[in-house]
Protein backbone atom coordinates (compact mmCIF):
# COMPACT_ATOMS: atom_id res chain seq x y z
CA MET A 1 1.21 -24.10 -11.28
CA PRO A 2 3.86 -23.31 -12.37
CA THR A 3 5.96 -26.45 -12.10
CA ARG A 4 8.98 -25.06 -13.98
CA PRO A 5 10.48 -21.62 -14.68
CA VAL A 6 8.31 -19.12 -16.53
CA ARG A 7 9.78 -16.84 -19.16
CA ILE A 8 8.64 -13.21 -19.36
CA VAL A 9 9.64 -11.75 -22.72
CA VAL A 10 10.18 -7.99 -22.83
CA GLY A 11 10.38 -6.23 -26.18
CA PHE A 12 12.50 -3.35 -24.93
CA PRO A 13 16.06 -2.89 -23.63
CA ALA A 14 17.06 -3.69 -20.08
CA GLY A 15 16.74 -0.69 -17.80
CA GLY A 16 13.68 0.87 -19.42
CA ALA A 17 10.28 1.23 -17.80
CA THR A 18 8.81 -1.94 -19.34
CA ASP A 19 11.85 -3.99 -18.30
CA ILE A 20 11.88 -2.64 -14.74
CA THR A 21 8.17 -3.34 -14.36
CA ALA A 22 8.67 -6.90 -15.65
CA ARG A 23 11.56 -7.50 -13.24
CA LEU A 24 9.57 -6.26 -10.25
CA MET A 25 6.61 -8.42 -11.25
CA ALA A 26 8.88 -11.45 -11.85
CA GLN A 27 10.36 -11.11 -8.37
CA TRP A 28 6.90 -10.76 -6.82
CA LEU A 29 5.56 -13.79 -8.70
CA SER A 30 8.64 -15.90 -7.92
CA GLU A 31 8.30 -15.19 -4.20
CA ARG A 32 4.59 -15.99 -4.11
CA LEU A 33 4.46 -18.95 -6.46
CA GLY A 34 7.76 -20.60 -5.53
CA GLN A 35 8.99 -20.83 -9.11
CA GLN A 36 11.45 -18.73 -11.08
CA PHE A 37 10.12 -16.09 -13.45
CA VAL A 38 12.95 -15.20 -15.84
CA ILE A 39 13.15 -12.00 -17.89
CA GLU A 40 14.22 -12.32 -21.52
CA ASN A 41 14.81 -9.01 -23.27
CA ARG A 42 14.13 -9.18 -27.02
CA PRO A 43 14.26 -5.50 -28.03
CA GLY A 44 13.56 -4.24 -31.49
CA ALA A 45 10.82 -3.08 -33.82
CA ALA A 46 8.96 -1.38 -30.96
CA GLY A 47 8.23 -4.66 -29.20
CA THR A 48 7.19 -6.58 -32.32
CA ILE A 49 10.14 -9.01 -32.20
CA ALA A 50 9.23 -10.05 -28.65
CA ALA A 51 5.52 -10.29 -29.44
CA GLU A 52 6.22 -12.52 -32.44
CA ALA A 53 8.45 -14.78 -30.30
CA VAL A 54 5.65 -15.20 -27.75
CA VAL A 55 3.05 -15.86 -30.46
CA LYS A 56 5.30 -18.62 -31.84
CA ALA A 57 6.01 -20.13 -28.39
CA ALA A 58 4.17 -23.19 -27.13
CA PRO A 59 0.77 -22.09 -25.76
CA ASP A 60 1.42 -23.68 -22.38
CA GLY A 61 1.39 -20.62 -20.12
CA TYR A 62 5.15 -20.70 -19.54
CA THR A 63 5.96 -17.84 -21.92
CA LEU A 64 4.49 -14.46 -21.05
CA LEU A 65 4.80 -11.11 -22.81
CA GLN A 66 5.27 -7.87 -20.91
CA ILE A 67 3.68 -5.35 -23.24
CA GLY A 68 3.69 -1.60 -23.37
CA THR A 69 1.90 1.13 -25.26
CA PRO A 70 3.93 0.50 -28.44
CA ASN A 71 2.37 -2.96 -28.78
CA ALA A 72 -1.08 -1.40 -29.06
CA ILE A 73 0.21 1.18 -31.51
CA ASN A 74 1.89 -1.50 -33.65
CA ALA A 75 -1.38 -3.40 -33.95
CA THR A 76 -2.92 -0.43 -35.74
CA LEU A 77 0.13 1.09 -37.42
CA TYR A 78 1.54 -1.94 -39.24
CA THR A 79 -0.51 -4.05 -41.63
CA ASN A 80 2.19 -6.61 -42.43
CA LEU A 81 2.78 -8.19 -38.99
CA SER A 82 3.10 -11.98 -39.03
CA PHE A 83 0.50 -12.18 -36.24
CA ASN A 84 -2.72 -10.51 -35.13
CA PHE A 85 -2.04 -8.94 -31.75
CA VAL A 86 -5.69 -8.95 -30.66
CA ARG A 87 -6.29 -12.55 -31.76
CA ASP A 88 -2.94 -14.12 -30.87
CA ILE A 89 -2.13 -12.51 -27.50
CA ALA A 90 -4.41 -13.14 -24.52
CA PRO A 91 -4.26 -10.57 -21.70
CA VAL A 92 -3.87 -12.03 -18.21
CA GLY A 93 -3.40 -8.91 -16.12
CA SER A 94 -2.96 -5.17 -16.09
CA ILE A 95 0.14 -4.09 -14.20
CA THR A 96 0.71 -0.39 -14.87
CA ARG A 97 -0.91 2.74 -16.17
CA VAL A 98 1.05 5.36 -18.05
CA ALA A 99 0.61 9.12 -17.85
CA TYR A 100 2.12 11.54 -20.29
CA VAL A 101 3.12 15.07 -19.37
CA VAL A 102 3.76 18.16 -21.41
CA VAL A 103 6.92 20.11 -20.65
CA VAL A 104 8.01 23.28 -22.37
CA HIS A 105 11.20 25.28 -22.54
CA PRO A 106 11.30 28.08 -19.93
CA SER A 107 11.21 30.67 -22.72
CA VAL A 108 7.69 29.57 -23.69
CA PRO A 109 5.27 31.83 -21.79
CA ALA A 110 2.67 29.07 -21.28
CA LYS A 111 2.16 27.74 -17.75
CA THR A 112 -1.03 25.72 -18.37
CA ILE A 113 -2.33 23.51 -21.20
CA PRO A 114 -4.88 26.14 -22.34
CA GLU A 115 -2.09 28.77 -22.41
CA PHE A 116 0.12 26.39 -24.39
CA ILE A 117 -2.67 25.70 -26.92
CA ALA A 118 -3.25 29.45 -27.35
CA TYR A 119 0.50 30.03 -27.76
CA ALA A 120 0.81 27.22 -30.32
CA LYS A 121 -2.14 28.56 -32.33
CA ALA A 122 -0.72 32.09 -32.23
CA ASN A 123 2.71 30.84 -33.35
CA PRO A 124 2.11 28.32 -36.15
CA GLY A 125 5.29 26.64 -37.32
CA ARG A 126 7.35 27.93 -34.39
CA ILE A 127 6.69 25.04 -31.99
CA ASN A 128 8.69 21.80 -32.13
CA MET A 129 7.90 18.61 -30.27
CA ALA A 130 10.50 15.96 -29.42
CA SER A 131 9.72 12.27 -29.44
CA ALA A 132 11.73 9.09 -29.07
CA GLY A 133 10.98 8.15 -32.68
CA ASN A 134 8.36 7.76 -35.37
CA GLY A 135 5.39 5.73 -34.11
CA THR A 136 6.50 5.82 -30.45
CA PRO A 137 3.91 6.54 -27.77
CA GLN A 138 5.24 10.08 -27.30
CA HIS A 139 4.95 10.73 -31.03
CA VAL A 140 1.43 9.30 -31.34
CA VAL A 141 0.17 11.08 -28.20
CA GLY A 142 1.71 14.36 -29.38
CA GLU A 143 0.14 14.05 -32.82
CA LEU A 144 -3.24 13.18 -31.28
CA PHE A 145 -3.00 16.20 -28.98
CA LYS A 146 -2.11 18.37 -31.97
CA MET A 147 -5.04 17.05 -34.02
CA ARG A 148 -7.60 17.46 -31.23
CA ARG A 149 -6.49 20.98 -30.38
CA ALA A 150 -6.09 22.18 -33.99
CA SER A 151 -2.56 23.26 -33.20
CA THR A 152 0.43 23.07 -35.52
CA TRP A 153 4.02 22.23 -34.75
CA SER A 154 6.74 20.09 -36.17
CA THR A 155 8.09 16.95 -34.58
CA SER A 156 11.76 16.14 -34.02
CA HIS A 157 12.42 12.43 -33.57
CA ILE A 158 15.56 12.14 -31.48
CA GLY A 159 15.73 8.38 -31.76
CA ALA A 160 15.58 5.51 -29.36
CA GLY A 161 18.51 3.60 -27.95
CA LEU A 162 19.00 3.57 -24.22
CA PRO A 163 15.78 4.41 -22.39
CA ARG A 164 15.61 8.10 -21.61
CA PRO A 165 13.02 10.84 -21.75
CA PRO A 166 12.85 12.76 -25.03
CA THR A 167 14.95 15.91 -24.83
CA CYS A 168 16.24 18.46 -27.23
CA SER A 169 18.25 21.63 -27.22
CA ALA A 170 16.59 25.00 -26.75
CA ALA A 171 17.53 25.87 -30.34
CA LYS A 172 15.94 22.72 -31.77
CA CYS A 173 12.80 22.41 -29.65
CA ARG A 174 10.89 25.33 -28.35
């Protein structure tokens, strides 16, 4: 096993973290198993298009899905998916772990998380957070952080597109 090429479907654009991880894993698997593992990028709808394609594929083990945090978010955020992520996708391995970091503009006097929380509480409505888009991991993690720390700030969604870290101008995000 395998006796023919295996397709790894990635729900995000080429060059992003999920794609790079899939390509590294495909190369590793190809070298060890002596069969081609081919990456197929199917970006869109935060990975839902790719997940749906894998759910509809023959259940023969020759179509794999490289998932990311958005797939878990989608399973809870959207009620009208044509599949049940937990029921229809079977995990076969954990490849990466993701860490999120908080960065602030140099004008913000906070140097630690507790200092940032105190600053945010003392300055309600003056803090903005950038994310790659509504429902993205950065957005959800930021909102969870805000809820758990009873802080308030507004969120600027700068949009997706080519993979890049969320950024914003000093005037827009502080």
